Amino acid sequence: MNQIHQHLLAESELNLETIDLQQKAYTGDADAQYALANIFQKGIHVQKNTSHAFYWYQRAAQQGNLLAQYNVFFSYLYGDGIKADAKQANKWFAKASLKSSCSAESIVAKLLNGTTLH
């Protein structure tokens, strides 16, 4: 079984919007991957699953999605959906911080407050 299939839900378990997001995420859309990760992270209309959330955050982060990169950092830092790993956390924080035009503290504060960046 392809690893990606482990992180997809049956369409019967999803609403139409989430089905569309899941299809886009599957085909490589980084924004959809990030949005799908948030759905799993927060348990929005699905059972909360931090392992699935981490998987999709990581896929989006690898494509350069800044918010996903910070979420991968937090996941490694706190062991949320993946085993805690300070070395990996530092790697992802550095990667995201280098790319960001905002201060890292500002982005982290926005993530902690659940707001989005524009």
PDB file of N, CA and C in Angstrom:
ATOM      1  N   MET A   1       0.850  -1.190   0.000  1.00  0.00           N
ATOM      2  CA  MET A   1       0.000   0.000   0.000  1.00  0.00           C
ATOM      3  C   MET A   1       0.889   1.245   0.000  1.00  0.00           C
ATOM      4  N   ASN A   2       0.603   2.163  -0.861  1.00  0.00           N
ATOM      5  CA  ASN A   2       1.320   3.418  -0.937  1.00  0.00           C
ATOM      6  C   ASN A   2       1.135   4.175   0.378  1.00  0.00           C
ATOM      7  N   GLN A   3       2.226   4.781   0.880  1.00  0.00           N
ATOM      8  CA  GLN A   3       2.168   5.480   2.163  1.00  0.00           C
ATOM      9  C   GLN A   3       1.100   6.565   2.191  1.00  0.00           C
ATOM     10  N   ILE A   4       0.915   7.251   1.089  1.00  0.00           N
ATOM     11  CA  ILE A   4      -0.059   8.342   1.045  1.00  0.00           C
ATOM     12  C   ILE A   4      -1.476   7.835   1.316  1.00  0.00           C
ATOM     13  N   HIS A   5      -1.786   6.617   0.891  1.00  0.00           N
ATOM     14  CA  HIS A   5      -3.125   6.075   1.087  1.00  0.00           C
ATOM     15  C   HIS A   5      -3.466   5.882   2.560  1.00  0.00           C
ATOM     16  N   GLN A   6      -2.451   5.720   3.394  1.00  0.00           N
ATOM     17  CA  GLN A   6      -2.681   5.576   4.835  1.00  0.00           C
ATOM     18  C   GLN A   6      -3.209   6.866   5.447  1.00  0.00           C
ATOM     19  N   HIS A   7      -3.015   7.978   4.763  1.00  0.00           N
ATOM     20  CA  HIS A   7      -3.374   9.282   5.304  1.00  0.00           C
ATOM     21  C   HIS A   7      -4.563   9.904   4.588  1.00  0.00           C
ATOM     22  N   LEU A   8      -5.337   9.059   3.919  1.00  0.00           N
ATOM     23  CA  LEU A   8      -6.572   9.498   3.266  1.00  0.00           C
ATOM     24  C   LEU A   8      -7.752   8.829   3.951  1.00  0.00           C
ATOM     25  N   LEU A   9      -8.870   9.507   3.982  1.00  0.00           N
ATOM     26  CA  LEU A   9     -10.085   8.936   4.542  1.00  0.00           C
ATOM     27  C   LEU A   9     -11.036   8.554   3.420  1.00  0.00           C
ATOM     28  N   ALA A  10     -11.867   7.578   3.668  1.00  0.00           N
ATOM     29  CA  ALA A  10     -12.891   7.193   2.704  1.00  0.00           C
ATOM     30  C   ALA A  10     -13.825   8.377   2.499  1.00  0.00           C
ATOM     31  N   GLU A  11     -14.228   8.585   1.257  1.00  0.00           N
ATOM     32  CA  GLU A  11     -15.090   9.726   0.960  1.00  0.00           C
ATOM     33  C   GLU A  11     -16.382   9.699   1.766  1.00  0.00           C
ATOM     34  N   SER A  12     -16.830   8.524   2.141  1.00  0.00           N
ATOM     35  CA  SER A  12     -18.055   8.433   2.926  1.00  0.00           C
ATOM     36  C   SER A  12     -17.903   9.056   4.310  1.00  0.00           C
ATOM     37  N   GLU A  13     -16.671   9.270   4.752  1.00  0.00           N
ATOM     38  CA  GLU A  13     -16.405   9.863   6.061  1.00  0.00           C
ATOM     39  C   GLU A  13     -16.258  11.383   5.998  1.00  0.00           C
ATOM     40  N   LEU A  14     -16.350  11.972   4.797  1.00  0.00           N
ATOM     41  CA  LEU A  14     -16.026  13.384   4.607  1.00  0.00           C
ATOM     42  C   LEU A  14     -17.177  14.175   4.002  1.00  0.00           C
ATOM     43  N   ASN A  15     -17.178  15.484   4.284  1.00  0.00           N
ATOM     44  CA  ASN A  15     -18.120  16.353   3.595  1.00  0.00           C
ATOM     45  C   ASN A  15     -17.525  16.718   2.229  1.00  0.00           C
ATOM     46  N   LEU A  16     -18.304  17.331   1.352  1.00  0.00           N
ATOM     47  CA  LEU A  16     -17.861  17.610  -0.021  1.00  0.00           C
ATOM     48  C   LEU A  16     -16.626  18.503  -0.075  1.00  0.00           C
ATOM     49  N   GLU A  17     -16.567  19.501   0.775  1.00  0.00           N
ATOM     50  CA  GLU A  17     -15.409  20.408   0.791  1.00  0.00           C
ATOM     51  C   GLU A  17     -14.128  19.651   1.149  1.00  0.00           C
ATOM     52  N   THR A  18     -14.222  18.767   2.120  1.00  0.00           N
ATOM     53  CA  THR A  18     -13.047  17.998   2.546  1.00  0.00           C
ATOM     54  C   THR A  18     -12.663  16.967   1.495  1.00  0.00           C
ATOM     55  N   ILE A  19     -13.630  16.412   0.797  1.00  0.00           N
ATOM     56  CA  ILE A  19     -13.327  15.486  -0.303  1.00  0.00           C
ATOM     57  C   ILE A  19     -12.507  16.221  -1.364  1.00  0.00           C
ATOM     58  N   ASP A  20     -12.943  17.429  -1.715  1.00  0.00           N
ATOM     59  CA  ASP A  20     -12.227  18.227  -2.707  1.00  0.00           C
ATOM     60  C   ASP A  20     -10.805  18.545  -2.235  1.00  0.00           C
ATOM     61  N   LEU A  21     -10.671  18.959  -0.974  1.00  0.00           N
ATOM     62  CA  LEU A  21      -9.341  19.244  -0.419  1.00  0.00           C
ATOM     63  C   LEU A  21      -8.457  18.011  -0.452  1.00  0.00           C
ATOM     64  N   GLN A  22      -9.016  16.889  -0.066  1.00  0.00           N
ATOM     65  CA  GLN A  22      -8.238  15.654  -0.025  1.00  0.00           C
ATOM     66  C   GLN A  22      -7.754  15.278  -1.424  1.00  0.00           C
ATOM     67  N   GLN A  23      -8.605  15.450  -2.422  1.00  0.00           N
ATOM     68  CA  GLN A  23      -8.203  15.139  -3.801  1.00  0.00           C
ATOM     69  C   GLN A  23      -7.083  16.067  -4.262  1.00  0.00           C
ATOM     70  N   LYS A  24      -7.205  17.359  -3.952  1.00  0.00           N
ATOM     71  CA  LYS A  24      -6.154  18.319  -4.322  1.00  0.00           C
ATOM     72  C   LYS A  24      -4.849  18.016  -3.574  1.00  0.00           C
ATOM     73  N   ALA A  25      -4.970  17.675  -2.301  1.00  0.00           N
ATOM     74  CA  ALA A  25      -3.784  17.345  -1.507  1.00  0.00           C
ATOM     75  C   ALA A  25      -3.083  16.131  -2.087  1.00  0.00           C
ATOM     76  N   TYR A  26      -3.853  15.143  -2.449  1.00  0.00           N
ATOM     77  CA  TYR A  26      -3.316  13.911  -3.019  1.00  0.00           C
ATOM     78  C   TYR A  26      -2.533  14.173  -4.304  1.00  0.00           C
ATOM     79  N   THR A  27      -2.996  15.139  -5.092  1.00  0.00           N
ATOM     80  CA  THR A  27      -2.328  15.430  -6.365  1.00  0.00           C
ATOM     81  C   THR A  27      -1.205  16.450  -6.220  1.00  0.00           C
ATOM     82  N   GLY A  28      -0.908  16.868  -4.981  1.00  0.00           N
ATOM     83  CA  GLY A  28       0.278  17.686  -4.754  1.00  0.00           C
ATOM     84  C   GLY A  28       0.069  19.159  -4.489  1.00  0.00           C
ATOM     85  N   ASP A  29      -1.150  19.600  -4.305  1.00  0.00           N
ATOM     86  CA  ASP A  29      -1.428  21.008  -4.028  1.00  0.00           C
ATOM     87  C   ASP A  29      -1.034  21.319  -2.578  1.00  0.00           C
ATOM     88  N   ALA A  30       0.017  22.124  -2.411  1.00  0.00           N
ATOM     89  CA  ALA A  30       0.549  22.410  -1.072  1.00  0.00           C
ATOM     90  C   ALA A  30      -0.459  23.130  -0.181  1.00  0.00           C
ATOM     91  N   ASP A  31      -1.231  24.049  -0.738  1.00  0.00           N
ATOM     92  CA  ASP A  31      -2.232  24.755   0.067  1.00  0.00           C
ATOM     93  C   ASP A  31      -3.316  23.789   0.549  1.00  0.00           C
ATOM     94  N   ALA A  32      -3.719  22.878  -0.317  1.00  0.00           N
ATOM     95  CA  ALA A  32      -4.712  21.872   0.065  1.00  0.00           C
ATOM     96  C   ALA A  32      -4.129  20.920   1.104  1.00  0.00           C
ATOM     97  N   GLN A  33      -2.864  20.572   0.964  1.00  0.00           N
ATOM     98  CA  GLN A  33      -2.208  19.707   1.945  1.00  0.00           C
ATOM     99  C   GLN A  33      -2.197  20.379   3.317  1.00  0.00           C
ATOM    100  N   TYR A  34      -1.887  21.677   3.335  1.00  0.00           N
ATOM    101  CA  TYR A  34      -1.888  22.419   4.596  1.00  0.00           C
ATOM    102  C   TYR A  34      -3.298  22.479   5.192  1.00  0.00           C
ATOM    103  N   ALA A  35      -4.278  22.762   4.368  1.00  0.00           N
ATOM    104  CA  ALA A  35      -5.667  22.840   4.844  1.00  0.00           C
ATOM    105  C   ALA A  35      -6.146  21.486   5.366  1.00  0.00           C
ATOM    106  N   LEU A  36      -5.807  20.422   4.657  1.00  0.00           N
ATOM    107  CA  LEU A  36      -6.192  19.080   5.096  1.00  0.00           C
ATOM    108  C   LEU A  36      -5.513  18.737   6.419  1.00  0.00           C
ATOM    109  N   ALA A  37      -4.260  19.124   6.554  1.00  0.00           N
ATOM    110  CA  ALA A  37      -3.546  18.901   7.821  1.00  0.00           C
ATOM    111  C   ALA A  37      -4.269  19.596   8.966  1.00  0.00           C
ATOM    112  N   ASN A  38      -4.718  20.831   8.738  1.00  0.00           N
ATOM    113  CA  ASN A  38      -5.450  21.564   9.780  1.00  0.00           C
ATOM    114  C   ASN A  38      -6.737  20.843  10.169  1.00  0.00           C
ATOM    115  N   ILE A  39      -7.412  20.277   9.184  1.00  0.00           N
ATOM    116  CA  ILE A  39      -8.651  19.539   9.462  1.00  0.00           C
ATOM    117  C   ILE A  39      -8.355  18.352  10.375  1.00  0.00           C
ATOM    118  N   PHE A  40      -7.308  17.603  10.066  1.00  0.00           N
ATOM    119  CA  PHE A  40      -6.935  16.464  10.912  1.00  0.00           C
ATOM    120  C   PHE A  40      -6.430  16.929  12.279  1.00  0.00           C
ATOM    121  N   GLN A  41      -5.660  18.019  12.302  1.00  0.00           N
ATOM    122  CA  GLN A  41      -5.092  18.516  13.553  1.00  0.00           C
ATOM    123  C   GLN A  41      -6.181  18.944  14.530  1.00  0.00           C
ATOM    124  N   LYS A  42      -7.205  19.582  14.001  1.00  0.00           N
ATOM    125  CA  LYS A  42      -8.265  20.131  14.852  1.00  0.00           C
ATOM    126  C   LYS A  42      -9.483  19.224  14.956  1.00  0.00           C
ATOM    127  N   GLY A  43      -9.543  18.185  14.128  1.00  0.00           N
ATOM    128  CA  GLY A  43     -10.699  17.290  14.152  1.00  0.00           C
ATOM    129  C   GLY A  43     -11.959  17.959  13.633  1.00  0.00           C
ATOM    130  N   ILE A  44     -11.824  18.699  12.546  1.00  0.00           N
ATOM    131  CA  ILE A  44     -12.961  19.408  11.955  1.00  0.00           C
ATOM    132  C   ILE A  44     -13.750  18.451  11.059  1.00  0.00           C
ATOM    133  N   HIS A  45     -14.909  18.030  11.508  1.00  0.00           N
ATOM    134  CA  HIS A  45     -15.796  17.107  10.795  1.00  0.00           C
ATOM    135  C   HIS A  45     -15.179  15.727  10.565  1.00  0.00           C
ATOM    136  N   VAL A  46     -14.051  15.451  11.181  1.00  0.00           N
ATOM    137  CA  VAL A  46     -13.405  14.132  11.142  1.00  0.00           C
ATOM    138  C   VAL A  46     -12.825  13.873  12.528  1.00  0.00           C
ATOM    139  N   GLN A  47     -12.462  12.637  12.772  1.00  0.00           N
ATOM    140  CA  GLN A  47     -11.811  12.338  14.044  1.00  0.00           C
ATOM    141  C   GLN A  47     -10.419  12.956  14.025  1.00  0.00           C
ATOM    142  N   LYS A  48     -10.056  13.628  15.093  1.00  0.00           N
ATOM    143  CA  LYS A  48      -8.736  14.244  15.204  1.00  0.00           C
ATOM    144  C   LYS A  48      -7.663  13.165  15.049  1.00  0.00           C
ATOM    145  N   ASN A  49      -6.655  13.459  14.211  1.00  0.00           N
ATOM    146  CA  ASN A  49      -5.586  12.495  13.980  1.00  0.00           C
ATOM    147  C   ASN A  49      -4.297  13.268  13.738  1.00  0.00           C
ATOM    148  N   THR A  50      -3.472  13.388  14.772  1.00  0.00           N
ATOM    149  CA  THR A  50      -2.251  14.187  14.669  1.00  0.00           C
ATOM    150  C   THR A  50      -1.205  13.543  13.765  1.00  0.00           C
ATOM    151  N   SER A  51      -1.246  12.230  13.620  1.00  0.00           N
ATOM    152  CA  SER A  51      -0.329  11.555  12.704  1.00  0.00           C
ATOM    153  C   SER A  51      -0.643  11.931  11.257  1.00  0.00           C
ATOM    154  N   HIS A  52      -1.920  11.918  10.902  1.00  0.00           N
ATOM    155  CA  HIS A  52      -2.325  12.347   9.562  1.00  0.00           C
ATOM    156  C   HIS A  52      -1.988  13.827   9.367  1.00  0.00           C
ATOM    157  N   ALA A  53      -2.255  14.629  10.385  1.00  0.00           N
ATOM    158  CA  ALA A  53      -1.957  16.058  10.294  1.00  0.00           C
ATOM    159  C   ALA A  53      -0.469  16.279  10.013  1.00  0.00           C
ATOM    160  N   PHE A  54       0.381  15.609  10.769  1.00  0.00           N
ATOM    161  CA  PHE A  54       1.816  15.769  10.560  1.00  0.00           C
ATOM    162  C   PHE A  54       2.216  15.370   9.137  1.00  0.00           C
ATOM    163  N   TYR A  55       1.681  14.271   8.669  1.00  0.00           N
ATOM    164  CA  TYR A  55       2.009  13.798   7.323  1.00  0.00           C
ATOM    165  C   TYR A  55       1.721  14.891   6.285  1.00  0.00           C
ATOM    166  N   TRP A  56       0.538  15.488   6.371  1.00  0.00           N
ATOM    167  CA  TRP A  56       0.162  16.496   5.376  1.00  0.00           C
ATOM    168  C   TRP A  56       0.900  17.806   5.601  1.00  0.00           C
ATOM    169  N   TYR A  57       1.148  18.194   6.857  1.00  0.00           N
ATOM    170  CA  TYR A  57       1.974  19.381   7.101  1.00  0.00           C
ATOM    171  C   TYR A  57       3.353  19.194   6.479  1.00  0.00           C
ATOM    172  N   GLN A  58       3.919  18.014   6.668  1.00  0.00           N
ATOM    173  CA  GLN A  58       5.263  17.760   6.158  1.00  0.00           C
ATOM    174  C   GLN A  58       5.289  17.813   4.628  1.00  0.00           C
ATOM    175  N   ARG A  59       4.292  17.250   3.993  1.00  0.00           N
ATOM    176  CA  ARG A  59       4.252  17.299   2.519  1.00  0.00           C
ATOM    177  C   ARG A  59       4.149  18.743   2.023  1.00  0.00           C
ATOM    178  N   ALA A  60       3.317  19.535   2.660  1.00  0.00           N
ATOM    179  CA  ALA A  60       3.198  20.942   2.271  1.00  0.00           C
ATOM    180  C   ALA A  60       4.489  21.700   2.581  1.00  0.00           C
ATOM    181  N   ALA A  61       5.089  21.407   3.719  1.00  0.00           N
ATOM    182  CA  ALA A  61       6.327  22.073   4.121  1.00  0.00           C
ATOM    183  C   ALA A  61       7.457  21.789   3.139  1.00  0.00           C
ATOM    184  N   GLN A  62       7.519  20.572   2.659  1.00  0.00           N
ATOM    185  CA  GLN A  62       8.563  20.200   1.702  1.00  0.00           C
ATOM    186  C   GLN A  62       8.418  20.954   0.384  1.00  0.00           C
ATOM    187  N   GLN A  63       7.212  21.452   0.122  1.00  0.00           N
ATOM    188  CA  GLN A  63       6.971  22.251  -1.083  1.00  0.00           C
ATOM    189  C   GLN A  63       7.132  23.744  -0.816  1.00  0.00           C
ATOM    190  N   GLY A  64       7.524  24.095   0.405  1.00  0.00           N
ATOM    191  CA  GLY A  64       7.793  25.488   0.726  1.00  0.00           C
ATOM    192  C   GLY A  64       6.683  26.241   1.414  1.00  0.00           C
ATOM    193  N   ASN A  65       5.595  25.579   1.806  1.00  0.00           N
ATOM    194  CA  ASN A  65       4.510  26.261   2.511  1.00  0.00           C
ATOM    195  C   ASN A  65       5.016  26.685   3.893  1.00  0.00           C
ATOM    196  N   LEU A  66       5.097  27.994   4.106  1.00  0.00           N
ATOM    197  CA  LEU A  66       5.703  28.547   5.320  1.00  0.00           C
ATOM    198  C   LEU A  66       4.975  28.127   6.592  1.00  0.00           C
ATOM    199  N   LEU A  67       3.654  28.229   6.606  1.00  0.00           N
ATOM    200  CA  LEU A  67       2.911  27.850   7.802  1.00  0.00           C
ATOM    201  C   LEU A  67       3.065  26.365   8.095  1.00  0.00           C
ATOM    202  N   ALA A  68       3.103  25.560   7.051  1.00  0.00           N
ATOM    203  CA  ALA A  68       3.324  24.121   7.239  1.00  0.00           C
ATOM    204  C   ALA A  68       4.708  23.864   7.830  1.00  0.00           C
ATOM    205  N   GLN A  69       5.692  24.625   7.393  1.00  0.00           N
ATOM    206  CA  GLN A  69       7.043  24.461   7.937  1.00  0.00           C
ATOM    207  C   GLN A  69       7.057  24.738   9.439  1.00  0.00           C
ATOM    208  N   TYR A  70       6.354  25.774   9.856  1.00  0.00           N
ATOM    209  CA  TYR A  70       6.279  26.057  11.296  1.00  0.00           C
ATOM    210  C   TYR A  70       5.496  24.974  12.035  1.00  0.00           C
ATOM    211  N   ASN A  71       4.468  24.430  11.407  1.00  0.00           N
ATOM    212  CA  ASN A  71       3.726  23.352  12.058  1.00  0.00           C
ATOM    213  C   ASN A  71       4.565  22.091  12.172  1.00  0.00           C
ATOM    214  N   VAL A  72       5.401  21.811  11.189  1.00  0.00           N
ATOM    215  CA  VAL A  72       6.327  20.670  11.283  1.00  0.00           C
ATOM    216  C   VAL A  72       7.302  20.923  12.431  1.00  0.00           C
ATOM    217  N   PHE A  73       7.783  22.144  12.539  1.00  0.00           N
ATOM    218  CA  PHE A  73       8.655  22.521  13.663  1.00  0.00           C
ATOM    219  C   PHE A  73       7.973  22.224  14.997  1.00  0.00           C
ATOM    220  N   PHE A  74       6.739  22.712  15.162  1.00  0.00           N
ATOM    221  CA  PHE A  74       6.006  22.479  16.414  1.00  0.00           C
ATOM    222  C   PHE A  74       5.780  20.992  16.664  1.00  0.00           C
ATOM    223  N   SER A  75       5.469  20.256  15.613  1.00  0.00           N
ATOM    224  CA  SER A  75       5.233  18.814  15.764  1.00  0.00           C
ATOM    225  C   SER A  75       6.467  18.106  16.283  1.00  0.00           C
ATOM    226  N   TYR A  76       7.609  18.422  15.709  1.00  0.00           N
ATOM    227  CA  TYR A  76       8.852  17.813  16.187  1.00  0.00           C
ATOM    228  C   TYR A  76       9.215  18.311  17.585  1.00  0.00           C
ATOM    229  N   LEU A  77       8.948  19.556  17.857  1.00  0.00           N
ATOM    230  CA  LEU A  77       9.282  20.125  19.159  1.00  0.00           C
ATOM    231  C   LEU A  77       8.483  19.466  20.285  1.00  0.00           C
ATOM    232  N   TYR A  78       7.189  19.272  20.054  1.00  0.00           N
ATOM    233  CA  TYR A  78       6.314  18.751  21.106  1.00  0.00           C
ATOM    234  C   TYR A  78       5.929  17.283  20.937  1.00  0.00           C
ATOM    235  N   GLY A  79       6.385  16.643  19.863  1.00  0.00           N
ATOM    236  CA  GLY A  79       6.020  15.248  19.644  1.00  0.00           C
ATOM    237  C   GLY A  79       4.556  15.090  19.309  1.00  0.00           C
ATOM    238  N   ASP A  80       4.035  15.982  18.505  1.00  0.00           N
ATOM    239  CA  ASP A  80       2.620  15.970  18.142  1.00  0.00           C
ATOM    240  C   ASP A  80       2.449  15.327  16.767  1.00  0.00           C
ATOM    241  N   GLY A  81       2.068  14.049  16.752  1.00  0.00           N
ATOM    242  CA  GLY A  81       1.891  13.329  15.504  1.00  0.00           C
ATOM    243  C   GLY A  81       3.147  12.627  15.018  1.00  0.00           C
ATOM    244  N   ILE A  82       4.244  12.918  15.668  1.00  0.00           N
ATOM    245  CA  ILE A  82       5.547  12.331  15.339  1.00  0.00           C
ATOM    246  C   ILE A  82       6.372  12.338  16.627  1.00  0.00           C
ATOM    247  N   LYS A  83       7.340  11.460  16.717  1.00  0.00           N
ATOM    248  CA  LYS A  83       8.189  11.435  17.902  1.00  0.00           C
ATOM    249  C   LYS A  83       8.966  12.756  18.010  1.00  0.00           C
ATOM    250  N   ALA A  84       9.010  13.322  19.198  1.00  0.00           N
ATOM    251  CA  ALA A  84       9.739  14.574  19.425  1.00  0.00           C
ATOM    252  C   ALA A  84      11.197  14.391  19.013  1.00  0.00           C
ATOM    253  N   ASP A  85      11.727  15.406  18.348  1.00  0.00           N
ATOM    254  CA  ASP A  85      13.092  15.361  17.854  1.00  0.00           C
ATOM    255  C   ASP A  85      13.605  16.797  17.770  1.00  0.00           C
ATOM    256  N   ALA A  86      14.408  17.200  18.756  1.00  0.00           N
ATOM    257  CA  ALA A  86      14.886  18.581  18.835  1.00  0.00           C
ATOM    258  C   ALA A  86      15.722  18.961  17.613  1.00  0.00           C
ATOM    259  N   LYS A  87      16.502  18.025  17.110  1.00  0.00           N
ATOM    260  CA  LYS A  87      17.339  18.318  15.941  1.00  0.00           C
ATOM    261  C   LYS A  87      16.470  18.644  14.726  1.00  0.00           C
ATOM    262  N   GLN A  88      15.435  17.826  14.479  1.00  0.00           N
ATOM    263  CA  GLN A  88      14.522  18.087  13.372  1.00  0.00           C
ATOM    264  C   GLN A  88      13.726  19.375  13.604  1.00  0.00           C
ATOM    265  N   ALA A  89      13.330  19.620  14.856  1.00  0.00           N
ATOM    266  CA  ALA A  89      12.602  20.856  15.174  1.00  0.00           C
ATOM    267  C   ALA A  89      13.458  22.066  14.818  1.00  0.00           C
ATOM    268  N   ASN A  90      14.710  22.049  15.218  1.00  0.00           N
ATOM    269  CA  ASN A  90      15.608  23.169  14.910  1.00  0.00           C
ATOM    270  C   ASN A  90      15.802  23.340  13.413  1.00  0.00           C
ATOM    271  N   LYS A  91      15.910  22.238  12.698  1.00  0.00           N
ATOM    272  CA  LYS A  91      16.071  22.286  11.235  1.00  0.00           C
ATOM    273  C   LYS A  91      14.886  22.988  10.581  1.00  0.00           C
ATOM    274  N   TRP A  92      13.671  22.588  10.983  1.00  0.00           N
ATOM    275  CA  TRP A  92      12.477  23.167  10.368  1.00  0.00           C
ATOM    276  C   TRP A  92      12.263  24.612  10.788  1.00  0.00           C
ATOM    277  N   PHE A  93      12.617  24.942  12.033  1.00  0.00           N
ATOM    278  CA  PHE A  93      12.488  26.335  12.473  1.00  0.00           C
ATOM    279  C   PHE A  93      13.438  27.218  11.673  1.00  0.00           C
ATOM    280  N   ALA A  94      14.673  26.754  11.492  1.00  0.00           N
ATOM    281  CA  ALA A  94      15.657  27.528  10.731  1.00  0.00           C
ATOM    282  C   ALA A  94      15.206  27.692   9.277  1.00  0.00           C
ATOM    283  N   LYS A  95      14.699  26.625   8.694  1.00  0.00           N
ATOM    284  CA  LYS A  95      14.240  26.664   7.303  1.00  0.00           C
ATOM    285  C   LYS A  95      13.106  27.674   7.136  1.00  0.00           C
ATOM    286  N   ALA A  96      12.139  27.619   8.028  1.00  0.00           N
ATOM    287  CA  ALA A  96      10.994  28.530   7.950  1.00  0.00           C
ATOM    288  C   ALA A  96      11.416  29.964   8.236  1.00  0.00           C
ATOM    289  N   SER A  97      12.292  30.147   9.195  1.00  0.00           N
ATOM    290  CA  SER A  97      12.724  31.497   9.572  1.00  0.00           C
ATOM    291  C   SER A  97      13.497  32.174   8.453  1.00  0.00           C
ATOM    292  N   LEU A  98      14.305  31.417   7.715  1.00  0.00           N
ATOM    293  CA  LEU A  98      15.067  31.981   6.606  1.00  0.00           C
ATOM    294  C   LEU A  98      14.159  32.465   5.490  1.00  0.00           C
ATOM    295  N   LYS A  99      13.055  31.768   5.295  1.00  0.00           N
ATOM    296  CA  LYS A  99      12.141  32.079   4.203  1.00  0.00           C
ATOM    297  C   LYS A  99      11.197  33.233   4.537  1.00  0.00           C
ATOM    298  N   SER A 100      10.979  33.452   5.796  1.00  0.00           N
ATOM    299  CA  SER A 100       9.951  34.382   6.242  1.00  0.00           C
ATOM    300  C   SER A 100      10.389  35.841   6.144  1.00  0.00           C
ATOM    301  N   SER A 101       9.487  36.682   5.635  1.00  0.00           N
ATOM    302  CA  SER A 101       9.742  38.118   5.638  1.00  0.00           C
ATOM    303  C   SER A 101       9.247  38.749   6.936  1.00  0.00           C
ATOM    304  N   CYS A 102       8.399  38.030   7.665  1.00  0.00           N
ATOM    305  CA  CYS A 102       7.932  38.467   8.973  1.00  0.00           C
ATOM    306  C   CYS A 102       8.909  37.935  10.019  1.00  0.00           C
ATOM    307  N   SER A 103       8.844  38.476  11.203  1.00  0.00           N
ATOM    308  CA  SER A 103       9.694  37.927  12.258  1.00  0.00           C
ATOM    309  C   SER A 103       9.174  36.553  12.653  1.00  0.00           C
ATOM    310  N   ALA A 104      10.085  35.671  13.013  1.00  0.00           N
ATOM    311  CA  ALA A 104       9.704  34.318  13.432  1.00  0.00           C
ATOM    312  C   ALA A 104       8.762  34.386  14.626  1.00  0.00           C
ATOM    313  N   GLU A 105       9.022  35.309  15.544  1.00  0.00           N
ATOM    314  CA  GLU A 105       8.172  35.429  16.732  1.00  0.00           C
ATOM    315  C   GLU A 105       6.746  35.802  16.348  1.00  0.00           C
ATOM    316  N   SER A 106       6.602  36.667  15.356  1.00  0.00           N
ATOM    317  CA  SER A 106       5.276  37.073  14.896  1.00  0.00           C
ATOM    318  C   SER A 106       4.519  35.897  14.295  1.00  0.00           C
ATOM    319  N   ILE A 107       5.207  35.103  13.502  1.00  0.00           N
ATOM    320  CA  ILE A 107       4.568  33.945  12.870  1.00  0.00           C
ATOM    321  C   ILE A 107       4.178  32.917  13.921  1.00  0.00           C
ATOM    322  N   VAL A 108       5.078  32.639  14.850  1.00  0.00           N
ATOM    323  CA  VAL A 108       4.786  31.676  15.908  1.00  0.00           C
ATOM    324  C   VAL A 108       3.592  32.153  16.730  1.00  0.00           C
ATOM    325  N   ALA A 109       3.550  33.431  17.060  1.00  0.00           N
ATOM    326  CA  ALA A 109       2.424  33.972  17.823  1.00  0.00           C
ATOM    327  C   ALA A 109       1.117  33.801  17.059  1.00  0.00           C
ATOM    328  N   LYS A 110       1.135  34.040  15.749  1.00  0.00           N
ATOM    329  CA  LYS A 110      -0.076  33.890  14.939  1.00  0.00           C
ATOM    330  C   LYS A 110      -0.520  32.426  14.895  1.00  0.00           C
ATOM    331  N   LEU A 111       0.443  31.516  14.771  1.00  0.00           N
ATOM    332  CA  LEU A 111       0.088  30.102  14.761  1.00  0.00           C
ATOM    333  C   LEU A 111      -0.526  29.671  16.089  1.00  0.00           C
ATOM    334  N   LEU A 112       0.049  30.162  17.176  1.00  0.00           N
ATOM    335  CA  LEU A 112      -0.465  29.794  18.499  1.00  0.00           C
ATOM    336  C   LEU A 112      -1.859  30.359  18.725  1.00  0.00           C
ATOM    337  N   ASN A 113      -2.151  31.503  18.121  1.00  0.00           N
ATOM    338  CA  ASN A 113      -3.475  32.119  18.269  1.00  0.00           C
ATOM    339  C   ASN A 113      -4.469  31.614  17.239  1.00  0.00           C
ATOM    340  N   GLY A 114      -4.016  30.763  16.300  1.00  0.00           N
ATOM    341  CA  GLY A 114      -4.922  30.187  15.314  1.00  0.00           C
ATOM    342  C   GLY A 114      -5.296  31.114  14.198  1.00  0.00           C
ATOM    343  N   THR A 115      -4.518  32.191  13.992  1.00  0.00           N
ATOM    344  CA  THR A 115      -4.813  33.098  12.895  1.00  0.00           C
ATOM    345  C   THR A 115      -3.988  32.715  11.675  1.00  0.00           C
ATOM    346  N   THR A 116      -4.322  33.314  10.546  1.00  0.00           N
ATOM    347  CA  THR A 116      -3.581  33.016   9.315  1.00  0.00           C
ATOM    348  C   THR A 116      -2.739  34.206   8.921  1.00  0.00           C
ATOM    349  N   LEU A 117      -1.720  33.946   8.128  1.00  0.00           N
ATOM    350  CA  LEU A 117      -0.850  35.007   7.628  1.00  0.00           C
ATOM    351  C   LEU A 117      -1.332  35.474   6.270  1.00  0.00           C
ATOM    352  N   HIS A 118      -1.181  36.732   6.006  1.00  0.00           N
ATOM    353  CA  HIS A 118      -1.548  37.285   4.687  1.00  0.00           C
ATOM    354  C   HIS A 118      -0.361  38.015   4.121  1.00  0.00           C
TER     355      HIS A 118
END
